[in-house]
Amino acid sequence: MLHKHVGVALLLLATLLSSCDGGNQKVSICGDEQTCLNDSNCFCWCSQICNPRKKTALDKPIYIADDLNGKFCYCKQWDFDHYEDNCILHKGIKEEPTQIK
């Protein structure tokens, strides 16, 4: 009975991991501070979708050199601040819509 539960748990884990890989799409995550802040072609970490994504004009990327989460380049400060809440604890916190002026 225990083997059956372990097998089901491993299957669920494999499914979860495969669903988080961006559809097997290979993306270039910003690898250092300069590319994070200046290169529009590399991806930043978004804590609303818990995956890297292409930068937008509204982003203000931040680079965390000693990032314990292993993401290093976040699309906004909000994404760094809510990484644990959304991507580990799955709280589903949404960012307030940005007021465009």
PDB file of N, CA and C in Angstrom:
ATOM      1  N   MET A   1       0.822  -1.192   0.000  1.00  0.00           N
ATOM      2  CA  MET A   1       0.000   0.000   0.000  1.00  0.00           C
ATOM      3  C   MET A   1       0.874   1.267   0.000  1.00  0.00           C
ATOM      4  N   LEU A   2       1.953   1.227   0.779  1.00  0.00           N
ATOM      5  CA  LEU A   2       2.859   2.368   0.842  1.00  0.00           C
ATOM      6  C   LEU A   2       3.509   2.614  -0.516  1.00  0.00           C
ATOM      7  N   HIS A   3       3.884   1.534  -1.217  1.00  0.00           N
ATOM      8  CA  HIS A   3       4.499   1.681  -2.544  1.00  0.00           C
ATOM      9  C   HIS A   3       3.553   2.367  -3.513  1.00  0.00           C
ATOM     10  N   LYS A   4       2.264   2.073  -3.402  1.00  0.00           N
ATOM     11  CA  LYS A   4       1.273   2.693  -4.284  1.00  0.00           C
ATOM     12  C   LYS A   4       1.215   4.202  -4.043  1.00  0.00           C
ATOM     13  N   HIS A   5       1.226   4.614  -2.766  1.00  0.00           N
ATOM     14  CA  HIS A   5       1.190   6.038  -2.425  1.00  0.00           C
ATOM     15  C   HIS A   5       2.465   6.750  -2.875  1.00  0.00           C
ATOM     16  N   VAL A   6       3.601   6.096  -2.731  1.00  0.00           N
ATOM     17  CA  VAL A   6       4.863   6.680  -3.168  1.00  0.00           C
ATOM     18  C   VAL A   6       4.846   6.849  -4.684  1.00  0.00           C
ATOM     19  N   GLY A   7       4.341   5.845  -5.398  1.00  0.00           N
ATOM     20  CA  GLY A   7       4.255   5.921  -6.854  1.00  0.00           C
ATOM     21  C   GLY A   7       3.358   7.057  -7.302  1.00  0.00           C
ATOM     22  N   VAL A   8       2.211   7.222  -6.634  1.00  0.00           N
ATOM     23  CA  VAL A   8       1.290   8.309  -6.966  1.00  0.00           C
ATOM     24  C   VAL A   8       1.945   9.654  -6.667  1.00  0.00           C
ATOM     25  N   ALA A   9       2.643   9.756  -5.544  1.00  0.00           N
ATOM     26  CA  ALA A   9       3.318  11.007  -5.182  1.00  0.00           C
ATOM     27  C   ALA A   9       4.392  11.360  -6.208  1.00  0.00           C
ATOM     28  N   LEU A  10       5.157  10.369  -6.656  1.00  0.00           N
ATOM     29  CA  LEU A  10       6.186  10.632  -7.662  1.00  0.00           C
ATOM     30  C   LEU A  10       5.574  11.048  -8.988  1.00  0.00           C
ATOM     31  N   LEU A  11       4.459  10.431  -9.361  1.00  0.00           N
ATOM     32  CA  LEU A  11       3.770  10.804 -10.587  1.00  0.00           C
ATOM     33  C   LEU A  11       3.266  12.243 -10.506  1.00  0.00           C
ATOM     34  N   LEU A  12       2.695  12.621  -9.374  1.00  0.00           N
ATOM     35  CA  LEU A  12       2.222  14.000  -9.191  1.00  0.00           C
ATOM     36  C   LEU A  12       3.383  14.988  -9.237  1.00  0.00           C
ATOM     37  N   LEU A  13       4.489  14.632  -8.619  1.00  0.00           N
ATOM     38  CA  LEU A  13       5.663  15.501  -8.628  1.00  0.00           C
ATOM     39  C   LEU A  13       6.194  15.679 -10.049  1.00  0.00           C
ATOM     40  N   ALA A  14       6.265  14.603 -10.805  1.00  0.00           N
ATOM     41  CA  ALA A  14       6.736  14.693 -12.193  1.00  0.00           C
ATOM     42  C   ALA A  14       5.808  15.556 -13.030  1.00  0.00           C
ATOM     43  N   THR A  15       4.504  15.434 -12.808  1.00  0.00           N
ATOM     44  CA  THR A  15       3.532  16.251 -13.536  1.00  0.00           C
ATOM     45  C   THR A  15       3.699  17.717 -13.180  1.00  0.00           C
ATOM     46  N   LEU A  16       3.861  17.993 -11.896  1.00  0.00           N
ATOM     47  CA  LEU A  16       4.050  19.375 -11.456  1.00  0.00           C
ATOM     48  C   LEU A  16       5.305  19.971 -12.059  1.00  0.00           C
ATOM     49  N   LEU A  17       6.402  19.244 -12.027  1.00  0.00           N
ATOM     50  CA  LEU A  17       7.655  19.762 -12.572  1.00  0.00           C
ATOM     51  C   LEU A  17       7.562  19.992 -14.070  1.00  0.00           C
ATOM     52  N   SER A  18       6.894  19.115 -14.787  1.00  0.00           N
ATOM     53  CA  SER A  18       6.786  19.300 -16.229  1.00  0.00           C
ATOM     54  C   SER A  18       5.881  20.466 -16.571  1.00  0.00           C
ATOM     55  N   SER A  19       4.904  20.780 -15.703  1.00  0.00           N
ATOM     56  CA  SER A  19       4.014  21.906 -15.981  1.00  0.00           C
ATOM     57  C   SER A  19       4.677  23.240 -15.677  1.00  0.00           C
ATOM     58  N   CYS A  20       5.772  23.244 -14.955  1.00  0.00           N
ATOM     59  CA  CYS A  20       6.451  24.482 -14.586  1.00  0.00           C
ATOM     60  C   CYS A  20       7.618  24.817 -15.506  1.00  0.00           C
ATOM     61  N   ASP A  21       7.808  24.077 -16.558  1.00  0.00           N
ATOM     62  CA  ASP A  21       8.983  24.312 -17.388  1.00  0.00           C
ATOM     63  C   ASP A  21       8.719  25.221 -18.570  1.00  0.00           C
ATOM     64  N   GLY A  22       7.550  25.899 -18.587  1.00  0.00           N
ATOM     65  CA  GLY A  22       7.242  26.818 -19.674  1.00  0.00           C
ATOM     66  C   GLY A  22       7.000  26.094 -20.981  1.00  0.00           C
ATOM     67  N   GLY A  23       6.440  24.878 -20.926  1.00  0.00           N
ATOM     68  CA  GLY A  23       6.151  24.137 -22.140  1.00  0.00           C
ATOM     69  C   GLY A  23       7.413  23.667 -22.850  1.00  0.00           C
ATOM     70  N   ASN A  24       8.452  23.381 -22.079  1.00  0.00           N
ATOM     71  CA  ASN A  24       9.741  22.947 -22.632  1.00  0.00           C
ATOM     72  C   ASN A  24      10.404  24.023 -23.481  1.00  0.00           C
ATOM     73  N   GLN A  25       9.909  25.227 -23.387  1.00  0.00           N
ATOM     74  CA  GLN A  25      10.505  26.340 -24.128  1.00  0.00           C
ATOM     75  C   GLN A  25      11.798  26.746 -23.435  1.00  0.00           C
ATOM     76  N   LYS A  26      12.868  26.815 -24.192  1.00  0.00           N
ATOM     77  CA  LYS A  26      14.140  27.248 -23.633  1.00  0.00           C
ATOM     78  C   LYS A  26      14.183  28.772 -23.675  1.00  0.00           C
ATOM     79  N   VAL A  27      14.347  29.365 -22.505  1.00  0.00           N
ATOM     80  CA  VAL A  27      14.411  30.821 -22.430  1.00  0.00           C
ATOM     81  C   VAL A  27      15.749  31.219 -21.847  1.00  0.00           C
ATOM     82  N   SER A  28      16.186  32.411 -22.205  1.00  0.00           N
ATOM     83  CA  SER A  28      17.446  32.927 -21.703  1.00  0.00           C
ATOM     84  C   SER A  28      17.165  33.792 -20.482  1.00  0.00           C
ATOM     85  N   ILE A  29      17.364  33.212 -19.304  1.00  0.00           N
ATOM     86  CA  ILE A  29      17.167  33.955 -18.062  1.00  0.00           C
ATOM     87  C   ILE A  29      18.376  34.864 -17.885  1.00  0.00           C
ATOM     88  N   CYS A  30      18.127  36.085 -17.513  1.00  0.00           N
ATOM     89  CA  CYS A  30      19.210  37.050 -17.320  1.00  0.00           C
ATOM     90  C   CYS A  30      20.217  36.483 -16.324  1.00  0.00           C
ATOM     91  N   GLY A  31      21.463  36.381 -16.743  1.00  0.00           N
ATOM     92  CA  GLY A  31      22.469  35.701 -15.942  1.00  0.00           C
ATOM     93  C   GLY A  31      23.323  36.575 -15.054  1.00  0.00           C
ATOM     94  N   ASP A  32      23.291  37.876 -15.270  1.00  0.00           N
ATOM     95  CA  ASP A  32      24.077  38.764 -14.421  1.00  0.00           C
ATOM     96  C   ASP A  32      23.352  40.103 -14.289  1.00  0.00           C
ATOM     97  N   GLU A  33      23.900  40.969 -13.469  1.00  0.00           N
ATOM     98  CA  GLU A  33      23.225  42.235 -13.174  1.00  0.00           C
ATOM     99  C   GLU A  33      23.034  43.105 -14.419  1.00  0.00           C
ATOM    100  N   GLN A  34      24.049  43.187 -15.250  1.00  0.00           N
ATOM    101  CA  GLN A  34      23.955  44.048 -16.434  1.00  0.00           C
ATOM    102  C   GLN A  34      22.870  43.581 -17.399  1.00  0.00           C
ATOM    103  N   THR A  35      22.814  42.272 -17.668  1.00  0.00           N
ATOM    104  CA  THR A  35      21.771  41.786 -18.577  1.00  0.00           C
ATOM    105  C   THR A  35      20.395  41.904 -17.931  1.00  0.00           C
ATOM    106  N   CYS A  36      20.318  41.664 -16.643  1.00  0.00           N
ATOM    107  CA  CYS A  36      19.038  41.783 -15.947  1.00  0.00           C
ATOM    108  C   CYS A  36      18.478  43.194 -16.089  1.00  0.00           C
ATOM    109  N   LEU A  37      19.314  44.170 -15.858  1.00  0.00           N
ATOM    110  CA  LEU A  37      18.857  45.556 -15.857  1.00  0.00           C
ATOM    111  C   LEU A  37      18.728  46.155 -17.252  1.00  0.00           C
ATOM    112  N   ASN A  38      19.508  45.651 -18.241  1.00  0.00           N
ATOM    113  CA  ASN A  38      19.594  46.344 -19.529  1.00  0.00           C
ATOM    114  C   ASN A  38      19.201  45.544 -20.770  1.00  0.00           C
ATOM    115  N   ASP A  39      19.188  44.223 -20.700  1.00  0.00           N
ATOM    116  CA  ASP A  39      18.937  43.412 -21.896  1.00  0.00           C
ATOM    117  C   ASP A  39      17.456  43.036 -21.982  1.00  0.00           C
ATOM    118  N   SER A  40      16.775  43.564 -22.987  1.00  0.00           N
ATOM    119  CA  SER A  40      15.342  43.290 -23.134  1.00  0.00           C
ATOM    120  C   SER A  40      15.080  41.897 -23.699  1.00  0.00           C
ATOM    121  N   ASN A  41      16.116  41.187 -24.140  1.00  0.00           N
ATOM    122  CA  ASN A  41      15.933  39.860 -24.732  1.00  0.00           C
ATOM    123  C   ASN A  41      16.014  38.714 -23.728  1.00  0.00           C
ATOM    124  N   CYS A  42      16.516  38.970 -22.534  1.00  0.00           N
ATOM    125  CA  CYS A  42      16.546  37.900 -21.545  1.00  0.00           C
ATOM    126  C   CYS A  42      15.289  37.982 -20.682  1.00  0.00           C
ATOM    127  N   PHE A  43      14.978  36.891 -20.015  1.00  0.00           N
ATOM    128  CA  PHE A  43      13.743  36.797 -19.257  1.00  0.00           C
ATOM    129  C   PHE A  43      13.990  37.087 -17.777  1.00  0.00           C
ATOM    130  N   CYS A  44      12.965  37.600 -17.122  1.00  0.00           N
ATOM    131  CA  CYS A  44      13.008  37.867 -15.685  1.00  0.00           C
ATOM    132  C   CYS A  44      12.002  36.948 -14.989  1.00  0.00           C
ATOM    133  N   TRP A  45      12.150  36.789 -13.682  1.00  0.00           N
ATOM    134  CA  TRP A  45      11.258  35.918 -12.918  1.00  0.00           C
ATOM    135  C   TRP A  45       9.992  36.682 -12.529  1.00  0.00           C
ATOM    136  N   CYS A  46       8.849  36.067 -12.818  1.00  0.00           N
ATOM    137  CA  CYS A  46       7.551  36.642 -12.488  1.00  0.00           C
ATOM    138  C   CYS A  46       6.887  35.767 -11.425  1.00  0.00           C
ATOM    139  N   SER A  47       6.603  36.330 -10.270  1.00  0.00           N
ATOM    140  CA  SER A  47       6.020  35.560  -9.172  1.00  0.00           C
ATOM    141  C   SER A  47       4.503  35.457  -9.249  1.00  0.00           C
ATOM    142  N   GLN A  48       3.882  36.044 -10.269  1.00  0.00           N
ATOM    143  CA  GLN A  48       2.452  35.805 -10.460  1.00  0.00           C
ATOM    144  C   GLN A  48       2.232  34.488 -11.197  1.00  0.00           C
ATOM    145  N   ILE A  49       3.138  34.150 -12.126  1.00  0.00           N
ATOM    146  CA  ILE A  49       3.013  32.893 -12.870  1.00  0.00           C
ATOM    147  C   ILE A  49       4.038  31.858 -12.402  1.00  0.00           C
ATOM    148  N   CYS A  50       4.944  32.280 -11.521  1.00  0.00           N
ATOM    149  CA  CYS A  50       5.998  31.410 -10.987  1.00  0.00           C
ATOM    150  C   CYS A  50       6.806  30.761 -12.110  1.00  0.00           C
ATOM    151  N   ASN A  51       7.201  31.600 -13.035  1.00  0.00           N
ATOM    152  CA  ASN A  51       8.019  31.191 -14.174  1.00  0.00           C
ATOM    153  C   ASN A  51       8.709  32.427 -14.731  1.00  0.00           C
ATOM    154  N   PRO A  52       9.779  32.226 -15.494  1.00  0.00           N
ATOM    155  CA  PRO A  52      10.375  33.373 -16.178  1.00  0.00           C
ATOM    156  C   PRO A  52       9.462  33.836 -17.306  1.00  0.00           C
ATOM    157  N   ARG A  53       9.550  35.104 -17.635  1.00  0.00           N
ATOM    158  CA  ARG A  53       8.773  35.653 -18.748  1.00  0.00           C
ATOM    159  C   ARG A  53       9.550  36.777 -19.408  1.00  0.00           C
ATOM    160  N   LYS A  54       9.116  37.127 -20.615  1.00  0.00           N
ATOM    161  CA  LYS A  54       9.725  38.224 -21.352  1.00  0.00           C
ATOM    162  C   LYS A  54       9.439  39.529 -20.616  1.00  0.00           C
ATOM    163  N   LYS A  55      10.405  40.401 -20.579  1.00  0.00           N
ATOM    164  CA  LYS A  55      10.229  41.690 -19.916  1.00  0.00           C
ATOM    165  C   LYS A  55       9.231  42.555 -20.693  1.00  0.00           C
ATOM    166  N   THR A  56       8.533  43.426 -19.960  1.00  0.00           N
ATOM    167  CA  THR A  56       7.607  44.374 -20.571  1.00  0.00           C
ATOM    168  C   THR A  56       8.089  45.793 -20.288  1.00  0.00           C
ATOM    169  N   ALA A  57       7.462  46.755 -20.932  1.00  0.00           N
ATOM    170  CA  ALA A  57       7.830  48.159 -20.726  1.00  0.00           C
ATOM    171  C   ALA A  57       7.541  48.619 -19.300  1.00  0.00           C
ATOM    172  N   LEU A  58       6.626  47.969 -18.610  1.00  0.00           N
ATOM    173  CA  LEU A  58       6.273  48.365 -17.242  1.00  0.00           C
ATOM    174  C   LEU A  58       7.193  47.763 -16.187  1.00  0.00           C
ATOM    175  N   ASP A  59       8.044  46.830 -16.583  1.00  0.00           N
ATOM    176  CA  ASP A  59       8.953  46.189 -15.628  1.00  0.00           C
ATOM    177  C   ASP A  59      10.052  47.138 -15.174  1.00  0.00           C
ATOM    178  N   LYS A  60      10.486  46.900 -13.956  1.00  0.00           N
ATOM    179  CA  LYS A  60      11.657  47.580 -13.389  1.00  0.00           C
ATOM    180  C   LYS A  60      12.505  46.479 -12.773  1.00  0.00           C
ATOM    181  N   PRO A  61      13.262  45.757 -13.617  1.00  0.00           N
ATOM    182  CA  PRO A  61      13.987  44.571 -13.144  1.00  0.00           C
ATOM    183  C   PRO A  61      14.935  44.882 -11.991  1.00  0.00           C
ATOM    184  N   ILE A  62      15.038  43.897 -11.102  1.00  0.00           N
ATOM    185  CA  ILE A  62      16.016  43.979 -10.011  1.00  0.00           C
ATOM    186  C   ILE A  62      16.851  42.703 -10.046  1.00  0.00           C
ATOM    187  N   TYR A  63      18.105  42.841  -9.692  1.00  0.00           N
ATOM    188  CA  TYR A  63      19.023  41.708  -9.661  1.00  0.00           C
ATOM    189  C   TYR A  63      19.437  41.465  -8.221  1.00  0.00           C
ATOM    190  N   ILE A  64      19.288  40.227  -7.762  1.00  0.00           N
ATOM    191  CA  ILE A  64      19.669  39.834  -6.406  1.00  0.00           C
ATOM    192  C   ILE A  64      20.882  38.906  -6.537  1.00  0.00           C
ATOM    193  N   ALA A  65      22.062  39.408  -6.238  1.00  0.00           N
ATOM    194  CA  ALA A  65      23.305  38.659  -6.453  1.00  0.00           C
ATOM    195  C   ALA A  65      23.364  37.373  -5.631  1.00  0.00           C
ATOM    196  N   ASP A  66      22.960  37.417  -4.387  1.00  0.00           N
ATOM    197  CA  ASP A  66      23.032  36.246  -3.504  1.00  0.00           C
ATOM    198  C   ASP A  66      21.638  35.668  -3.281  1.00  0.00           C
ATOM    199  N   ASP A  67      20.879  35.508  -4.356  1.00  0.00           N
ATOM    200  CA  ASP A  67      19.490  35.070  -4.254  1.00  0.00           C
ATOM    201  C   ASP A  67      19.394  33.602  -3.825  1.00  0.00           C
ATOM    202  N   LEU A  68      18.859  33.375  -2.641  1.00  0.00           N
ATOM    203  CA  LEU A  68      18.695  32.012  -2.135  1.00  0.00           C
ATOM    204  C   LEU A  68      17.638  31.234  -2.919  1.00  0.00           C
ATOM    205  N   ASN A  69      16.767  31.951  -3.634  1.00  0.00           N
ATOM    206  CA  ASN A  69      15.742  31.290  -4.452  1.00  0.00           C
ATOM    207  C   ASN A  69      16.307  30.803  -5.785  1.00  0.00           C
ATOM    208  N   GLY A  70      17.475  31.298  -6.173  1.00  0.00           N
ATOM    209  CA  GLY A  70      18.115  30.876  -7.402  1.00  0.00           C
ATOM    210  C   GLY A  70      17.550  31.509  -8.664  1.00  0.00           C
ATOM    211  N   LYS A  71      16.797  32.597  -8.541  1.00  0.00           N
ATOM    212  CA  LYS A  71      16.196  33.255  -9.713  1.00  0.00           C
ATOM    213  C   LYS A  71      17.036  34.444 -10.174  1.00  0.00           C
ATOM    214  N   PHE A  72      17.583  35.201  -9.271  1.00  0.00           N
ATOM    215  CA  PHE A  72      18.528  36.312  -9.479  1.00  0.00           C
ATOM    216  C   PHE A  72      17.928  37.541 -10.154  1.00  0.00           C
ATOM    217  N   CYS A  73      17.220  37.387 -11.255  1.00  0.00           N
ATOM    218  CA  CYS A  73      16.651  38.539 -11.952  1.00  0.00           C
ATOM    219  C   CYS A  73      15.128  38.475 -11.869  1.00  0.00           C
ATOM    220  N   TYR A  74      14.549  39.443 -11.168  1.00  0.00           N
ATOM    221  CA  TYR A  74      13.097  39.515 -10.988  1.00  0.00           C
ATOM    222  C   TYR A  74      12.557  40.684 -11.805  1.00  0.00           C
ATOM    223  N   CYS A  75      11.363  40.525 -12.332  1.00  0.00           N
ATOM    224  CA  CYS A  75      10.774  41.563 -13.188  1.00  0.00           C
ATOM    225  C   CYS A  75      10.541  42.867 -12.431  1.00  0.00           C
ATOM    226  N   LYS A  76      10.175  42.754 -11.161  1.00  0.00           N
ATOM    227  CA  LYS A  76       9.931  43.924 -10.308  1.00  0.00           C
ATOM    228  C   LYS A  76      10.285  43.540  -8.879  1.00  0.00           C
ATOM    229  N   GLN A  77      10.395  44.529  -8.031  1.00  0.00           N
ATOM    230  CA  GLN A  77      10.608  44.273  -6.605  1.00  0.00           C
ATOM    231  C   GLN A  77       9.481  43.403  -6.050  1.00  0.00           C
ATOM    232  N   TRP A  78       8.259  43.637  -6.544  1.00  0.00           N
ATOM    233  CA  TRP A  78       7.092  42.870  -6.104  1.00  0.00           C
ATOM    234  C   TRP A  78       7.323  41.376  -6.304  1.00  0.00           C
ATOM    235  N   ASP A  79       7.925  40.995  -7.418  1.00  0.00           N
ATOM    236  CA  ASP A  79       8.145  39.582  -7.712  1.00  0.00           C
ATOM    237  C   ASP A  79       9.121  38.946  -6.729  1.00  0.00           C
ATOM    238  N   PHE A  80      10.130  39.677  -6.333  1.00  0.00           N
ATOM    239  CA  PHE A  80      11.058  39.172  -5.325  1.00  0.00           C
ATOM    240  C   PHE A  80      10.356  39.067  -3.971  1.00  0.00           C
ATOM    241  N   ASP A  81       9.604  40.113  -3.616  1.00  0.00           N
ATOM    242  CA  ASP A  81       8.920  40.153  -2.320  1.00  0.00           C
ATOM    243  C   ASP A  81       7.881  39.044  -2.165  1.00  0.00           C
ATOM    244  N   HIS A  82       7.262  38.613  -3.257  1.00  0.00           N
ATOM    245  CA  HIS A  82       6.176  37.626  -3.193  1.00  0.00           C
ATOM    246  C   HIS A  82       6.561  36.239  -3.713  1.00  0.00           C
ATOM    247  N   TYR A  83       7.859  36.008  -3.942  1.00  0.00           N
ATOM    248  CA  TYR A  83       8.298  34.700  -4.439  1.00  0.00           C
ATOM    249  C   TYR A  83       7.843  33.577  -3.508  1.00  0.00           C
ATOM    250  N   GLU A  84       8.159  33.686  -2.236  1.00  0.00           N
ATOM    251  CA  GLU A  84       7.828  32.609  -1.301  1.00  0.00           C
ATOM    252  C   GLU A  84       6.309  32.440  -1.179  1.00  0.00           C
ATOM    253  N   ASP A  85       5.578  33.549  -1.050  1.00  0.00           N
ATOM    254  CA  ASP A  85       4.119  33.469  -0.910  1.00  0.00           C
ATOM    255  C   ASP A  85       3.475  32.750  -2.088  1.00  0.00           C
ATOM    256  N   ASN A  86       3.885  33.093  -3.291  1.00  0.00           N
ATOM    257  CA  ASN A  86       3.214  32.555  -4.477  1.00  0.00           C
ATOM    258  C   ASN A  86       3.834  31.268  -5.015  1.00  0.00           C
ATOM    259  N   CYS A  87       5.145  31.193  -5.060  1.00  0.00           N
ATOM    260  CA  CYS A  87       5.788  30.083  -5.756  1.00  0.00           C
ATOM    261  C   CYS A  87       6.163  28.929  -4.833  1.00  0.00           C
ATOM    262  N   ILE A  88       6.144  29.146  -3.538  1.00  0.00           N
ATOM    263  CA  ILE A  88       6.412  28.060  -2.584  1.00  0.00           C
ATOM    264  C   ILE A  88       5.149  27.730  -1.794  1.00  0.00           C
ATOM    265  N   LEU A  89       4.506  28.773  -1.236  1.00  0.00           N
ATOM    266  CA  LEU A  89       3.321  28.562  -0.405  1.00  0.00           C
ATOM    267  C   LEU A  89       2.018  28.574  -1.205  1.00  0.00           C
ATOM    268  N   HIS A  90       2.080  28.949  -2.485  1.00  0.00           N
ATOM    269  CA  HIS A  90       0.941  28.934  -3.410  1.00  0.00           C
ATOM    270  C   HIS A  90      -0.264  29.735  -2.886  1.00  0.00           C
ATOM    271  N   LYS A  91       0.001  30.941  -2.373  1.00  0.00           N
ATOM    272  CA  LYS A  91      -1.068  31.793  -1.846  1.00  0.00           C
ATOM    273  C   LYS A  91      -1.857  32.504  -2.940  1.00  0.00           C
ATOM    274  N   GLY A  92      -1.310  32.601  -4.134  1.00  0.00           N
ATOM    275  CA  GLY A  92      -2.034  33.219  -5.244  1.00  0.00           C
ATOM    276  C   GLY A  92      -2.228  34.724  -5.105  1.00  0.00           C
ATOM    277  N   ILE A  93      -1.279  35.399  -4.488  1.00  0.00           N
ATOM    278  CA  ILE A  93      -1.367  36.848  -4.330  1.00  0.00           C
ATOM    279  C   ILE A  93      -1.155  37.502  -5.695  1.00  0.00           C
ATOM    280  N   LYS A  94      -2.016  38.437  -6.047  1.00  0.00           N
ATOM    281  CA  LYS A  94      -1.909  39.133  -7.333  1.00  0.00           C
ATOM    282  C   LYS A  94      -1.410  40.550  -7.100  1.00  0.00           C
ATOM    283  N   GLU A  95      -0.617  41.013  -8.038  1.00  0.00           N
ATOM    284  CA  GLU A  95      -0.089  42.381  -7.975  1.00  0.00           C
ATOM    285  C   GLU A  95      -1.215  43.354  -8.312  1.00  0.00           C
ATOM    286  N   GLU A  96      -1.263  44.453  -7.597  1.00  0.00           N
ATOM    287  CA  GLU A  96      -2.246  45.495  -7.900  1.00  0.00           C
ATOM    288  C   GLU A  96      -1.985  46.033  -9.285  1.00  0.00           C
ATOM    289  N   PRO A  97      -3.038  46.286 -10.061  1.00  0.00           N
ATOM    290  CA  PRO A  97      -2.830  46.848 -11.403  1.00  0.00           C
ATOM    291  C   PRO A  97      -2.083  48.181 -11.324  1.00  0.00           C
ATOM    292  N   THR A  98      -1.182  48.366 -12.272  1.00  0.00           N
ATOM    293  CA  THR A  98      -0.381  49.587 -12.316  1.00  0.00           C
ATOM    294  C   THR A  98      -1.220  50.713 -12.922  1.00  0.00           C
ATOM    295  N   GLN A  99      -1.186  51.849 -12.288  1.00  0.00           N
ATOM    296  CA  GLN A  99      -1.877  53.015 -12.808  1.00  0.00           C
ATOM    297  C   GLN A  99      -0.975  53.686 -13.838  1.00  0.00           C
ATOM    298  N   ILE A 100      -1.402  53.710 -15.079  1.00  0.00           N
ATOM    299  CA  ILE A 100      -0.626  54.362 -16.144  1.00  0.00           C
ATOM    300  C   ILE A 100      -1.044  55.805 -16.237  1.00  0.00           C
ATOM    301  N   LYS A 101      -0.080  56.702 -16.116  1.00  0.00           N
ATOM    302  CA  LYS A 101      -0.380  58.140 -16.163  1.00  0.00           C
ATOM    303  C   LYS A 101       0.269  58.758 -17.349  1.00  0.00           C
TER     304      LYS A 101
END
